[in-house]
C-alpha atoms as a PDB file:
ATOM      1  CA  MET A   1       2.988   4.937   1.277  1.00  0.00           C
ATOM      2  CA  SER A   2       3.256   7.401  -1.138  1.00  0.00           C
ATOM      3  CA  VAL A   3       5.878   7.487  -4.201  1.00  0.00           C
ATOM      4  CA  LEU A   4       6.966  10.777  -5.603  1.00  0.00           C
ATOM      5  CA  LEU A   5       7.608  10.956  -9.409  1.00  0.00           C
ATOM      6  CA  ALA A   6       9.960  13.617 -10.695  1.00  0.00           C
ATOM      7  CA  VAL A   7       9.702  14.792 -14.156  1.00  0.00           C
ATOM      8  CA  VAL A   8      12.446  16.606 -15.645  1.00  0.00           C
ATOM      9  CA  LEU A   9      11.479  18.585 -18.718  1.00  0.00           C
ATOM     10  CA  PRO A  10      14.369  19.808 -21.019  1.00  0.00           C
ATOM     11  CA  ARG A  11      15.055  23.409 -21.490  1.00  0.00           C
ATOM     12  CA  ALA A  12      14.178  24.852 -24.557  1.00  0.00           C
ATOM     13  CA  GLY A  13      16.751  24.641 -27.066  1.00  0.00           C
ATOM     14  CA  SER A  14      18.676  21.753 -25.334  1.00  0.00           C
ATOM     15  CA  ARG A  15      19.012  18.598 -26.670  1.00  0.00           C
ATOM     16  CA  ALA A  16      18.510  14.903 -24.952  1.00  0.00           C
ATOM     17  CA  ALA A  17      21.582  13.758 -23.562  1.00  0.00           C
ATOM     18  CA  SER A  18      21.037  10.069 -24.902  1.00  0.00           C
ATOM     19  CA  PRO A  19      18.483   8.485 -27.193  1.00  0.00           C
ATOM     20  CA  THR A  20      15.571   6.777 -25.641  1.00  0.00           C
ATOM     21  CA  MET A  21      15.333   3.080 -25.984  1.00  0.00           C
ATOM     22  CA  LYS A  22      11.528   3.381 -26.413  1.00  0.00           C
ATOM     23  CA  GLY A  23      10.300   0.517 -28.764  1.00  0.00           C
ATOM     24  CA  ASP A  24      13.941  -0.875 -29.195  1.00  0.00           C
ATOM     25  CA  PRO A  25      13.289  -4.479 -30.306  1.00  0.00           C
ATOM     26  CA  GLN A  26      16.453  -5.874 -28.639  1.00  0.00           C
ATOM     27  CA  ALA A  27      15.521  -4.319 -25.061  1.00  0.00           C
ATOM     28  CA  VAL A  28      12.039  -5.685 -25.420  1.00  0.00           C
ATOM     29  CA  ARG A  29      13.572  -9.213 -26.350  1.00  0.00           C
ATOM     30  CA  GLU A  30      15.750  -9.348 -23.429  1.00  0.00           C
ATOM     31  CA  VAL A  31      12.899  -8.120 -21.011  1.00  0.00           C
ATOM     32  CA  THR A  32      10.604 -10.872 -22.242  1.00  0.00           C
ATOM     33  CA  ALA A  33      13.142 -13.522 -21.926  1.00  0.00           C
ATOM     34  CA  ALA A  34      14.173 -12.378 -18.385  1.00  0.00           C
ATOM     35  CA  CYS A  35      10.372 -12.331 -17.260  1.00  0.00           C
ATOM     36  CA  VAL A  36       9.775 -15.909 -18.744  1.00  0.00           C
ATOM     37  CA  LYS A  37      13.206 -17.086 -16.888  1.00  0.00           C
ATOM     38  CA  PHE A  38      12.015 -15.626 -13.695  1.00  0.00           C
ATOM     39  CA  MET A  39       8.674 -16.819 -13.873  1.00  0.00           C
ATOM     40  CA  ALA A  40       9.834 -20.568 -14.829  1.00  0.00           C
ATOM     41  CA  ALA A  41      12.666 -20.746 -11.921  1.00  0.00           C
ATOM     42  CA  LYS A  42      11.767 -22.465  -8.987  1.00  0.00           C
ATOM     43  CA  THR A  43      12.056 -19.786  -6.070  1.00  0.00           C
ATOM     44  CA  TRP A  44      10.952 -19.758  -2.463  1.00  0.00           C
ATOM     45  CA  ARG A  45       7.557 -19.461  -3.318  1.00  0.00           C
ATOM     46  CA  THR A  46       7.222 -22.797  -4.705  1.00  0.00           C
ATOM     47  CA  ARG A  47       8.937 -24.238  -1.442  1.00  0.00           C
ATOM     48  CA  MET A  48       6.579 -21.896   0.620  1.00  0.00           C
ATOM     49  CA  SER A  49       3.496 -23.370  -0.486  1.00  0.00           C
ATOM     50  CA  ALA A  50       4.525 -27.048  -0.392  1.00  0.00           C
ATOM     51  CA  GLY A  51       5.010 -27.053   3.359  1.00  0.00           C
ATOM     52  CA  GLY A  52       1.648 -25.347   4.039  1.00  0.00           C
ATOM     53  CA  ALA A  53       0.955 -26.557   7.759  1.00  0.00           C
ATOM     54  CA  ALA A  54       4.262 -26.951   8.993  1.00  0.00           C
ATOM     55  CA  ILE A  55       4.986 -23.397   8.019  1.00  0.00           C
ATOM     56  CA  GLU A  56       1.754 -21.996   9.717  1.00  0.00           C
ATOM     57  CA  ARG A  57       2.702 -23.811  12.923  1.00  0.00           C
ATOM     58  CA  ARG A  58       6.145 -22.495  12.814  1.00  0.00           C
ATOM     59  CA  LEU A  59       4.686 -18.868  12.302  1.00  0.00           C
ATOM     60  CA  PHE A  60       2.146 -19.422  15.124  1.00  0.00           C
ATOM     61  CA  ILE A  61       4.731 -20.525  17.463  1.00  0.00           C
ATOM     62  CA  ALA A  62       7.005 -17.458  16.672  1.00  0.00           C
ATOM     63  CA  GLN A  63       4.010 -14.998  17.061  1.00  0.00           C
ATOM     64  CA  SER A  64       3.020 -16.817  20.091  1.00  0.00           C
ATOM     65  CA  LEU A  65       6.923 -16.184  21.568  1.00  0.00           C
ATOM     66  CA  TYR A  66       6.846 -12.536  20.237  1.00  0.00           C
ATOM     67  CA  ALA A  67       3.531 -11.949  22.440  1.00  0.00           C
ATOM     68  CA  PHE A  68       4.864 -13.620  25.147  1.00  0.00           C
ATOM     69  CA  GLY A  69       8.049 -11.345  24.898  1.00  0.00           C
ATOM     70  CA  ALA A  70       5.777  -8.024  24.559  1.00  0.00           C
ATOM     71  CA  LEU A  71       4.037  -9.241  27.986  1.00  0.00           C
ATOM     72  CA  LEU A  72       7.391  -9.572  29.838  1.00  0.00           C
ATOM     73  CA  CYS A  73       7.550  -6.024  29.651  1.00  0.00           C
ATOM     74  CA  LEU A  74       4.888  -5.815  32.322  1.00  0.00           C
ATOM     75  CA  VAL A  75       7.530  -7.465  34.651  1.00  0.00           C
ATOM     76  CA  SER A  76      10.876  -6.055  33.214  1.00  0.00           C
ATOM     77  CA  THR A  77      11.745  -3.981  30.142  1.00  0.00           C
ATOM     78  CA  TYR A  78      14.821  -6.026  30.312  1.00  0.00           C
ATOM     79  CA  TRP A  79      13.839  -9.332  30.427  1.00  0.00           C
ATOM     80  CA  SER A  80      11.349  -8.318  27.580  1.00  0.00           C
ATOM     81  CA  ILE A  81      14.281  -7.155  25.453  1.00  0.00           C
ATOM     82  CA  ALA A  82      16.492 -10.253  26.166  1.00  0.00           C
ATOM     83  CA  PHE A  83      13.653 -12.504  25.696  1.00  0.00           C
ATOM     84  CA  ILE A  84      13.002 -11.189  22.295  1.00  0.00           C
ATOM     85  CA  LEU A  85      16.298 -11.013  21.150  1.00  0.00           C
ATOM     86  CA  LEU A  86      16.618 -14.878  22.152  1.00  0.00           C
ATOM     87  CA  VAL A  87      13.673 -15.521  19.941  1.00  0.00           C
ATOM     88  CA  GLN A  88      15.051 -13.573  17.029  1.00  0.00           C
ATOM     89  CA  LEU A  89      18.491 -15.486  17.211  1.00  0.00           C
ATOM     90  CA  ASN A  90      16.514 -18.994  17.615  1.00  0.00           C
ATOM     91  CA  TYR A  91      14.855 -17.854  14.249  1.00  0.00           C
ATOM     92  CA  ALA A  92      17.962 -16.453  12.452  1.00  0.00           C
ATOM     93  CA  ILE A  93      20.236 -19.080  13.024  1.00  0.00           C
ATOM     94  CA  PRO A  94      19.429 -22.400  11.635  1.00  0.00           C
END
């Protein structure tokens, strides 16, 4: 995946529309505080690392069901699609 960055250069004689925030101490403090708050928050990463084996088992079962759904395509495409949709619903609806 590539990211394209566009650089817009001002025309000769034109002025910038707004002043830059480069080096603004208030902005730096706000960004730093937001980063500290984000890193200290209990996020889903904490919960994910706590359940290790159970989550790995759930992922293995889900991938096995998807593989079976893909193999059903050899029998009937409609059965395969229906089975994969049912697997999706099973994991989407708690």
